[in-house]
Protein backbone atom coordinates (compact mmCIF):
# COMPACT_ATOMS: atom_id res chain seq x y z
CA MET A 1 3.33 -72.87 3.90
CA LEU A 2 0.84 -70.70 5.80
CA VAL A 3 1.40 -67.65 7.99
CA ASN A 4 -0.74 -65.92 10.58
CA LEU A 5 -1.85 -62.29 10.62
CA GLY A 6 0.82 -61.33 13.12
CA GLU A 7 3.56 -62.55 10.79
CA VAL A 8 2.09 -60.61 7.89
CA VAL A 9 1.95 -57.44 9.96
CA ARG A 10 5.54 -57.98 11.08
CA ALA A 11 6.72 -58.60 7.51
CA ILE A 12 5.19 -55.32 6.35
CA GLU A 13 6.23 -53.23 9.35
CA HIS A 14 9.83 -54.51 9.21
CA ASP A 15 10.07 -54.03 5.43
CA GLU A 16 10.67 -57.75 4.90
CA LEU A 17 8.77 -58.14 1.62
CA LEU A 18 11.05 -58.34 -1.40
CA PRO A 19 10.52 -58.49 -5.15
CA CYS A 20 11.93 -61.41 -7.07
CA PHE A 21 12.29 -61.32 -10.84
CA GLN A 22 11.50 -64.12 -13.31
CA PRO A 23 12.82 -63.65 -16.86
CA LEU A 24 10.45 -63.10 -19.78
CA VAL A 25 12.01 -64.22 -23.04
CA GLU A 26 11.30 -63.74 -26.75
CA LEU A 27 10.53 -67.29 -27.83
CA ARG A 28 11.68 -66.75 -31.39
CA THR A 29 15.10 -65.30 -30.58
CA GLY A 30 15.86 -66.34 -27.01
CA ARG A 31 16.48 -62.70 -26.11
CA LEU A 32 15.52 -61.33 -22.73
CA SER A 33 12.34 -59.23 -22.92
CA GLY A 34 11.90 -58.28 -19.27
CA PHE A 35 10.87 -59.70 -15.90
CA GLU A 36 7.73 -60.59 -14.02
CA VAL A 37 7.88 -59.26 -10.46
CA LEU A 38 6.91 -61.81 -7.80
CA THR A 39 6.43 -61.12 -4.08
CA ARG A 40 8.59 -62.99 -1.57
CA TRP A 41 9.03 -62.75 2.23
CA ARG A 42 12.41 -63.05 3.93
CA ASP A 43 11.37 -64.95 7.02
CA PRO A 44 13.15 -64.74 10.43
CA LEU A 45 15.42 -67.61 9.38
CA GLY A 46 16.60 -65.65 6.33
CA SER A 47 14.83 -67.80 3.73
CA LEU A 48 12.88 -66.31 0.84
CA VAL A 49 9.40 -67.82 0.80
CA MET A 50 5.97 -67.07 -0.58
CA PRO A 51 3.30 -68.17 1.93
CA ASP A 52 0.13 -69.39 0.24
CA ASN A 53 -2.09 -67.05 2.25
CA LEU A 54 0.08 -63.93 2.53
CA ILE A 55 -1.76 -61.95 -0.13
CA SER A 56 -5.22 -63.06 1.02
CA LEU A 57 -4.45 -62.07 4.63
CA ALA A 58 -3.15 -58.68 3.46
CA GLU A 59 -6.31 -58.18 1.40
CA ASP A 60 -8.66 -59.14 4.24
CA ASN A 61 -6.95 -56.81 6.71
CA ALA A 62 -6.45 -53.69 4.60
CA LEU A 63 -2.69 -54.25 4.37
CA LEU A 64 -2.40 -54.82 0.64
CA ASP A 65 -1.63 -51.21 -0.28
CA ARG A 66 1.33 -51.15 2.12
CA ALA A 67 2.59 -54.49 0.82
CA MET A 68 2.20 -53.33 -2.77
CA GLY A 69 4.05 -50.12 -1.97
CA GLN A 70 7.06 -52.03 -0.68
CA ILE A 71 7.23 -54.27 -3.74
CA LEU A 72 6.79 -51.43 -6.23
CA ARG A 73 9.39 -49.23 -4.57
CA LYS A 74 12.01 -51.96 -4.41
CA ALA A 75 11.28 -53.40 -7.86
CA PHE A 76 11.52 -50.06 -9.65
CA ALA A 77 14.71 -49.11 -7.80
CA SER A 78 16.29 -52.47 -8.68
CA VAL A 79 16.17 -51.96 -12.44
CA THR A 80 16.67 -48.23 -12.98
CA ASP A 81 20.46 -48.60 -13.25
CA LEU A 82 20.27 -51.56 -15.63
CA PRO A 83 20.86 -50.99 -19.36
CA ASP A 84 17.72 -49.90 -21.25
CA SER A 85 15.53 -50.18 -18.13
CA PRO A 86 13.97 -53.62 -18.85
CA MET A 87 10.24 -54.21 -18.99
CA LEU A 88 8.57 -55.25 -15.73
CA ALA A 89 5.25 -57.03 -15.26
CA ILE A 90 3.44 -56.75 -11.91
CA ASN A 91 0.34 -58.62 -10.74
CA VAL A 92 -2.59 -56.62 -9.40
CA SER A 93 -5.23 -58.32 -7.25
CA PRO A 94 -8.99 -58.14 -7.96
CA ILE A 95 -9.46 -55.86 -4.96
CA GLN A 96 -6.76 -53.44 -6.12
CA MET A 97 -8.32 -53.29 -9.58
CA GLN A 98 -11.41 -51.80 -7.94
CA GLU A 99 -9.51 -49.12 -5.98
CA SER A 100 -9.25 -45.67 -7.54
CA SER A 101 -6.00 -45.06 -5.61
CA LEU A 102 -4.10 -47.74 -7.59
CA PRO A 103 -2.96 -45.55 -10.53
CA ALA A 104 -1.64 -42.84 -8.19
CA GLN A 105 0.22 -45.40 -6.09
CA ILE A 106 1.95 -46.82 -9.16
CA ARG A 107 2.69 -43.37 -10.61
CA GLU A 108 4.26 -42.10 -7.36
CA ALA A 109 6.42 -45.21 -6.88
CA ALA A 110 7.67 -45.00 -10.47
CA ALA A 111 8.41 -41.27 -10.18
CA ALA A 112 10.43 -41.79 -7.00
CA ALA A 113 12.66 -44.33 -8.78
CA LYS A 114 12.57 -42.53 -12.17
CA PHE A 115 11.17 -45.70 -13.70
CA PRO A 116 9.46 -45.19 -17.10
CA LEU A 117 5.84 -46.31 -16.90
CA ASP A 118 5.83 -47.35 -20.55
CA HIS A 119 8.10 -50.18 -19.39
CA LEU A 120 5.49 -51.52 -16.96
CA THR A 121 2.83 -54.15 -17.65
CA ILE A 122 -0.04 -54.53 -15.19
CA GLU A 123 -1.32 -58.11 -15.06
CA VAL A 124 -4.92 -58.69 -13.98
CA THR A 125 -6.93 -61.90 -13.72
CA GLU A 126 -10.46 -62.45 -14.95
CA GLY A 127 -11.66 -62.27 -11.35
CA ALA A 128 -10.49 -58.67 -11.16
CA LEU A 129 -13.07 -57.73 -13.77
CA LEU A 130 -16.17 -59.68 -12.85
CA ASN A 131 -17.33 -57.77 -9.76
CA ASP A 132 -17.51 -54.31 -11.32
CA LEU A 133 -16.42 -54.22 -14.93
CA VAL A 134 -17.24 -50.53 -15.36
CA ARG A 135 -15.03 -49.52 -12.42
CA ALA A 136 -12.24 -51.83 -13.55
CA ARG A 137 -12.37 -50.28 -17.02
CA THR A 138 -12.11 -46.76 -15.57
CA ILE A 139 -8.98 -47.73 -13.62
CA ALA A 140 -7.55 -49.63 -16.59
CA CYS A 141 -7.97 -46.63 -18.87
CA GLU A 142 -6.22 -44.40 -16.33
CA LEU A 143 -3.31 -46.85 -16.16
CA LYS A 144 -3.14 -46.87 -19.97
CA ALA A 145 -3.16 -43.08 -20.04
CA MET A 146 -0.12 -43.16 -17.76
CA GLY A 147 1.71 -45.30 -20.33
CA CYS A 148 1.30 -48.71 -18.68
CA ARG A 149 0.51 -51.85 -20.63
CA LEU A 150 -2.26 -54.26 -19.59
CA ALA A 151 -2.20 -58.07 -19.65
CA LEU A 152 -5.00 -60.54 -18.96
CA ASP A 153 -3.41 -63.21 -16.76
CA ASP A 154 -4.21 -66.94 -16.42
CA PHE A 155 -6.44 -66.92 -19.48
CA GLY A 156 -8.56 -70.03 -19.81
CA THR A 157 -8.69 -70.98 -16.13
CA GLY A 158 -11.89 -69.08 -15.33
CA TYR A 159 -14.83 -67.90 -17.37
CA SER A 160 -12.56 -66.90 -20.25
CA SER A 161 -15.23 -64.75 -21.84
CA PRO A 162 -14.00 -63.01 -25.00
CA ARG A 163 -16.13 -60.11 -23.77
CA LEU A 164 -13.48 -59.43 -21.13
CA LEU A 165 -10.78 -59.12 -23.79
CA GLN A 166 -12.85 -56.53 -25.62
CA ALA A 167 -14.05 -54.68 -22.51
CA LEU A 168 -10.61 -53.45 -21.41
CA PRO A 169 -7.72 -52.07 -23.48
CA PHE A 170 -5.46 -55.11 -23.11
CA ASP A 171 -2.08 -55.37 -24.81
CA GLU A 172 -1.17 -58.94 -23.84
CA LEU A 173 -2.85 -62.29 -23.26
CA LYS A 174 -1.13 -64.75 -20.91
CA ILE A 175 -1.61 -68.48 -21.49
CA ASP A 176 -1.86 -70.35 -18.20
CA ALA A 177 0.87 -72.88 -17.39
CA SER A 178 -1.66 -75.72 -17.23
CA PHE A 179 -2.27 -75.44 -20.99
CA VAL A 180 1.46 -75.27 -21.69
CA ARG A 181 2.13 -78.49 -19.76
CA LEU A 182 -0.62 -80.34 -21.62
CA MET A 183 0.50 -79.30 -25.13
CA THR A 184 3.02 -82.13 -25.40
CA LYS A 185 0.51 -84.77 -24.32
CA THR A 186 -2.09 -84.75 -27.11
CA ARG A 187 -2.92 -82.98 -30.32
CA ASP A 188 -6.21 -81.76 -28.83
CA ASN A 189 -4.30 -79.86 -26.15
CA ARG A 190 -2.12 -78.27 -28.82
CA LYS A 191 -5.30 -77.20 -30.56
CA ILE A 192 -6.46 -75.43 -27.40
CA ALA A 193 -3.15 -73.62 -27.04
CA GLY A 194 -3.22 -72.72 -30.74
CA ALA A 195 -6.76 -71.40 -30.41
CA ILE A 196 -5.75 -69.15 -27.50
CA VAL A 197 -2.79 -67.78 -29.44
CA GLY A 198 -5.01 -67.30 -32.49
CA LEU A 199 -7.59 -65.46 -30.41
CA GLY A 200 -4.92 -63.15 -29.05
CA HIS A 201 -3.53 -62.42 -32.49
CA SER A 202 -6.99 -61.82 -33.96
CA LEU A 203 -7.46 -59.08 -31.34
CA GLY A 204 -4.01 -57.61 -31.94
CA LEU A 205 -2.58 -58.85 -28.61
CA ILE A 206 0.89 -60.11 -27.74
CA THR A 207 0.66 -63.66 -26.37
CA VAL A 208 2.74 -64.79 -23.39
CA ALA A 209 3.06 -68.42 -22.27
CA GLU A 210 3.67 -69.24 -18.60
CA GLY A 211 5.32 -72.29 -17.06
CA ILE A 212 7.62 -73.34 -19.93
CA GLU A 213 9.91 -76.09 -18.63
CA THR A 214 11.13 -77.99 -21.72
CA GLU A 215 12.53 -77.21 -25.17
CA GLU A 216 9.68 -79.24 -26.68
CA GLU A 217 7.13 -76.89 -25.12
CA ALA A 218 9.07 -73.86 -26.31
CA SER A 219 9.32 -75.28 -29.84
CA ILE A 220 5.57 -75.86 -30.08
CA LEU A 221 4.87 -72.35 -28.83
CA ARG A 222 7.27 -70.90 -31.40
CA GLY A 223 5.40 -72.83 -34.07
CA LEU A 224 2.14 -71.37 -32.80
CA SER A 225 3.67 -67.86 -33.14
CA CYS A 226 3.44 -67.18 -29.41
CA GLU A 227 5.73 -64.19 -28.83
CA LEU A 228 6.91 -64.35 -25.21
CA GLY A 229 7.47 -67.03 -22.61
CA GLN A 230 8.55 -67.56 -19.03
CA GLY A 231 9.25 -70.60 -16.90
CA TRP A 232 12.04 -72.64 -15.40
CA LEU A 233 13.52 -73.33 -18.84
CA TYR A 234 14.49 -69.66 -18.96
CA GLY A 235 15.14 -69.06 -15.29
CA ARG A 236 13.63 -69.22 -11.83
CA PRO A 237 12.78 -66.07 -9.88
CA VAL A 238 15.90 -64.30 -8.59
CA THR A 239 16.60 -61.42 -6.24
CA ALA A 240 17.70 -58.00 -7.44
CA ASP A 241 21.41 -58.68 -6.98
CA ALA A 242 21.30 -61.32 -9.75
CA LEU A 243 19.73 -59.01 -12.35
CA PRO A 244 22.91 -57.48 -13.85
CA ALA A 245 24.25 -60.94 -14.73
CA ILE A 246 20.97 -62.00 -16.34
CA VAL A 247 20.72 -58.80 -18.37
CA ALA A 248 24.34 -59.18 -19.54
CA ARG A 249 24.12 -62.80 -20.64
CA PRO A 250 23.74 -63.52 -24.38
CA ALA A 251 20.46 -64.62 -25.92
CA LEU A 252 19.59 -68.24 -25.35
CA HIS A 253 20.62 -70.49 -28.23
CA ILE A 254 17.76 -71.75 -30.37
CA SER A 255 19.03 -74.96 -31.97
CA SER A 256 18.89 -75.31 -35.74
CA ALA A 257 16.97 -78.57 -35.29
CA LEU A 258 14.23 -76.73 -33.42
CA SER A 259 14.19 -73.96 -36.01
CA MET A 260 13.71 -76.55 -38.75
CA GLU A 261 10.88 -78.07 -36.72
CA VAL A 262 9.19 -74.69 -36.60
CA GLU A 263 9.62 -74.27 -40.36
CA ARG A 264 8.04 -77.67 -41.00
CA HIS A 265 5.11 -76.70 -38.82
CA ALA A 266 4.69 -73.07 -39.80
CA PHE A 267 0.95 -73.70 -39.85
CA TRP A 268 0.72 -74.78 -36.21
CA GLY A 269 -1.11 -71.53 -35.57
CA LEU A 270 -3.96 -73.06 -37.58
CA ASP A 271 -3.84 -76.37 -35.75
CA ALA A 272 -7.52 -76.14 -34.86
CA LEU A 273 -8.26 -77.08 -38.48
CA PRO A 274 -8.87 -80.72 -39.42
CA ALA A 275 -5.62 -82.52 -40.16
CA HIS A 276 -6.31 -83.08 -43.87
CA ARG A 277 -7.13 -79.40 -44.42
CA LEU A 278 -3.96 -78.41 -42.61
CA ALA A 279 -1.93 -80.75 -44.80
CA GLN A 280 -3.53 -79.30 -47.92
CA LEU A 281 -2.70 -75.74 -46.89
CA GLN A 282 0.86 -76.70 -46.03
CA ALA A 283 1.31 -78.38 -49.40
CA ILE A 284 -0.02 -75.29 -51.20
CA TYR A 285 2.38 -73.08 -49.30
CA ASP A 286 5.41 -75.30 -49.83
CA GLY A 287 4.71 -76.00 -53.50
CA ALA A 288 3.82 -72.50 -54.63
CA PRO A 289 6.35 -70.97 -57.08
CA VAL A 290 5.91 -67.61 -55.35
CA GLY A 291 6.55 -66.24 -51.87
CA LEU A 292 3.46 -66.42 -49.66
CA CYS A 293 2.63 -65.15 -46.19
CA PHE A 294 -0.24 -64.19 -43.94
CA LEU A 295 0.02 -61.09 -41.75
CA ASP A 296 -2.18 -60.12 -38.81
CA CYS A 297 -3.61 -56.62 -38.42
CA ASN A 298 -0.38 -55.47 -36.72
CA LEU A 299 1.56 -56.61 -39.80
CA ARG A 300 3.16 -59.50 -37.91
CA TYR A 301 3.96 -62.72 -39.76
CA VAL A 302 1.49 -65.46 -38.76
CA SER A 303 2.71 -67.91 -41.39
CA LEU A 304 4.87 -67.92 -44.51
CA ASN A 305 6.59 -70.30 -46.87
CA LYS A 306 10.30 -70.87 -47.32
CA ARG A 307 10.38 -69.14 -50.70
CA LEU A 308 9.38 -65.79 -49.17
CA ALA A 309 11.69 -66.35 -46.21
CA ASP A 310 14.58 -66.84 -48.66
CA MET A 311 13.64 -63.60 -50.44
CA ASN A 312 13.94 -61.83 -47.09
CA HIS A 313 17.24 -63.59 -46.33
CA ALA A 314 16.04 -65.03 -43.01
CA PRO A 315 14.65 -68.42 -41.85
CA VAL A 316 10.91 -69.02 -41.54
CA ALA A 317 11.25 -69.27 -37.76
CA ALA A 318 12.85 -65.82 -37.61
CA HIS A 319 9.75 -64.24 -39.14
CA LEU A 320 6.99 -65.71 -36.99
CA GLY A 321 5.60 -63.15 -34.59
CA ARG A 322 7.77 -60.35 -35.97
CA THR A 323 6.53 -57.43 -38.03
CA VAL A 324 7.33 -56.68 -41.66
CA LYS A 325 9.17 -53.57 -40.52
CA GLU A 326 11.36 -55.63 -38.19
CA MET A 327 12.21 -58.21 -40.85
CA ILE A 328 12.79 -55.94 -43.85
CA PRO A 329 13.36 -52.43 -42.44
CA ASN A 330 15.07 -51.17 -45.58
CA LEU A 331 12.06 -52.14 -47.71
CA PHE A 332 9.17 -51.40 -45.35
CA SER A 333 8.64 -47.83 -46.55
CA ILE A 334 8.17 -49.21 -50.09
CA PHE A 335 5.54 -51.77 -49.11
CA GLU A 336 3.83 -49.83 -46.31
CA PRO A 337 1.37 -47.80 -48.46
CA TYR A 338 0.02 -50.97 -50.09
CA LEU A 339 -0.18 -52.81 -46.75
CA LEU A 340 -2.18 -49.99 -45.20
CA ARG A 341 -4.56 -49.82 -48.15
CA ALA A 342 -5.13 -53.56 -47.90
CA LEU A 343 -5.79 -53.29 -44.17
CA HIS A 344 -8.59 -50.87 -45.07
CA GLY A 345 -10.14 -53.54 -47.29
CA GLU A 346 -8.65 -52.87 -50.72
CA ALA A 347 -7.44 -55.86 -52.74
CA ILE A 348 -4.33 -54.84 -54.70
CA ALA A 349 -2.87 -57.03 -57.45
CA GLY A 350 0.28 -56.91 -59.53
CA VAL A 351 2.24 -54.15 -57.85
CA GLU A 352 5.72 -53.94 -59.37
CA VAL A 353 8.28 -52.94 -56.76
CA ALA A 354 12.04 -52.49 -57.01
CA ARG A 355 13.83 -54.19 -54.12
CA PRO A 356 17.26 -52.74 -53.32
CA ALA A 357 20.01 -55.25 -52.63
CA PHE A 358 20.06 -56.60 -49.07
CA ARG A 359 23.85 -56.89 -48.82
CA PRO A 360 26.87 -55.29 -50.51
CA GLY A 361 27.66 -57.21 -53.67
CA ASP A 362 24.07 -58.37 -54.21
CA LYS A 363 22.06 -57.11 -57.16
CA ASP A 364 18.86 -55.12 -57.06
CA SER A 365 15.74 -57.08 -57.92
CA ILE A 366 12.20 -56.46 -59.10
CA CYS A 367 9.20 -58.21 -57.62
CA LEU A 368 5.49 -58.36 -58.31
CA ALA A 369 3.36 -58.26 -55.15
CA SER A 370 -0.34 -58.75 -54.47
CA TYR A 371 -2.24 -57.90 -51.28
CA GLN A 372 -5.52 -59.59 -50.39
CA PRO A 373 -7.40 -58.68 -47.19
CA ALA A 374 -8.97 -61.53 -45.18
CA TRP A 375 -12.40 -60.90 -43.67
CA ASP A 376 -14.15 -62.40 -40.68
CA GLU A 377 -17.83 -63.25 -40.45
CA ALA A 378 -18.58 -59.70 -39.28
CA GLY A 379 -17.00 -58.17 -42.37
CA GLU A 380 -13.89 -56.87 -40.59
CA VAL A 381 -10.36 -57.28 -41.92
CA ILE A 382 -8.47 -59.76 -39.73
CA GLY A 383 -5.24 -59.93 -41.71
CA LEU A 384 -3.60 -59.91 -45.13
CA SER A 385 -2.57 -62.62 -47.56
CA ILE A 386 0.51 -61.52 -49.49
CA SER A 387 2.09 -63.09 -52.55
CA VAL A 388 5.45 -62.00 -53.95
CA VAL A 389 7.21 -63.21 -57.09
CA ASP A 390 10.67 -62.19 -58.27
CA ILE A 391 10.43 -61.05 -61.91
CA THR A 392 13.97 -59.71 -62.26
CA ASP A 393 15.05 -62.32 -64.85
CA LEU A 394 11.77 -61.96 -66.75
CA LYS A 395 12.24 -58.20 -66.96
CA LYS A 396 15.81 -58.59 -68.18
CA THR A 397 14.72 -61.08 -70.83
CA LYS A 398 11.99 -58.73 -72.02
CA GLU A 399 14.37 -55.78 -72.14
CA SER A 400 16.92 -57.84 -74.07
CA HIS A 401 14.25 -58.83 -76.55
CA ILE A 402 13.24 -55.22 -77.06
CA GLU A 403 16.85 -54.20 -77.56
CA SER A 404 17.32 -56.96 -80.14
CA GLN A 405 14.42 -55.51 -82.13
CA TYR A 406 16.09 -52.11 -82.19
CA VAL A 407 17.03 -50.99 -85.73
CA PRO A 408 19.40 -48.00 -85.68
CA GLY A 409 19.15 -45.14 -88.12
CA PRO A 410 16.36 -43.48 -90.09
CA LEU A 411 14.44 -46.71 -90.67
CA HIS A 412 13.99 -47.18 -86.90
CA GLU A 413 12.94 -43.56 -86.50
CA LEU A 414 10.37 -43.93 -89.29
CA SER A 415 8.99 -47.15 -87.85
CA SER A 416 8.63 -45.46 -84.49
CA LEU A 417 6.62 -42.65 -86.03
CA VAL A 418 4.36 -45.12 -87.81
CA ILE A 419 3.68 -47.03 -84.59
């Protein structure tokens, strides 16, 4: 559907532009994470539509700021009364990303609605950065200083230069829907999706997949450790009046069959490797008599074996994409000093740590942990390999043996002095 300039002017002057909200979901848990805000026009017939050329006409005729103002004002006001003020993601055009007035416009709209800017993600495309990267970076840094998050949208559909990911302070990387649709077709397409997720994780970014329509797609993305997703599987864009019901609904059910599939393919994040090497690594993980995992530089689980998952009393699938602190909050303060030292490049072996019981009635345990930093070709730490073995029974056996050698009385005291 196309509109003419007169219809665009009318839509703006009569306040007919409305925000619609598409759910963003945690792929691992099915919990609602927030919403992407999409622009819609309520036409004279009362239908909500998105004309293909509405944004381009607004850009060409200096109307985009007014259109953006309407959407921001209404979007922020729509969620301020919802519990916990959900995260919102808003698209910014290449032209807006070059305008120094953008940060002030967003700040003023948020202040009017009392919307917290640390709950706002600004999505920009590669095209927004190519014309004047220096200017775009200045604006991006101002948005970050206000508390906003930044996401690179539609990654892979343009030049996809890694330089762009490093040039601006991005927090998220969005995988274009075209890659998501192709994942189920061939292994090569899964490799591409896995490489994008891996690139995001190597740079410390949250990865978001667009256009998820089937459980199979969602399952593959979970296996790749992609954190967030959106698409018709989780909900189509809705108007503000539908938000309370969406926020109140329980987390989407992740079937046990799909969780098992993720556990069997916990190495999907390394799917760019040749198949035989992948099989070898999987066999090493599964057959090791110790708990094993690999963490990224944000201490998120990239992969792990079932033995370690059992030690943490949670399935493999529950770990992927989550941080150590999220998975074992009662133990994180014990392990944190060693994790931080390893992130700074120190290999640490044989650390004996007492693990308090997870649940009432359980017994305390003792484990031996080792921390090995992983380095890239530039000599930078890109993550940590962790091994953990439970030595509780071994310690008890050793203590029992020592006690059995105990000889009470003067003879024991004399032997102690001699030793």
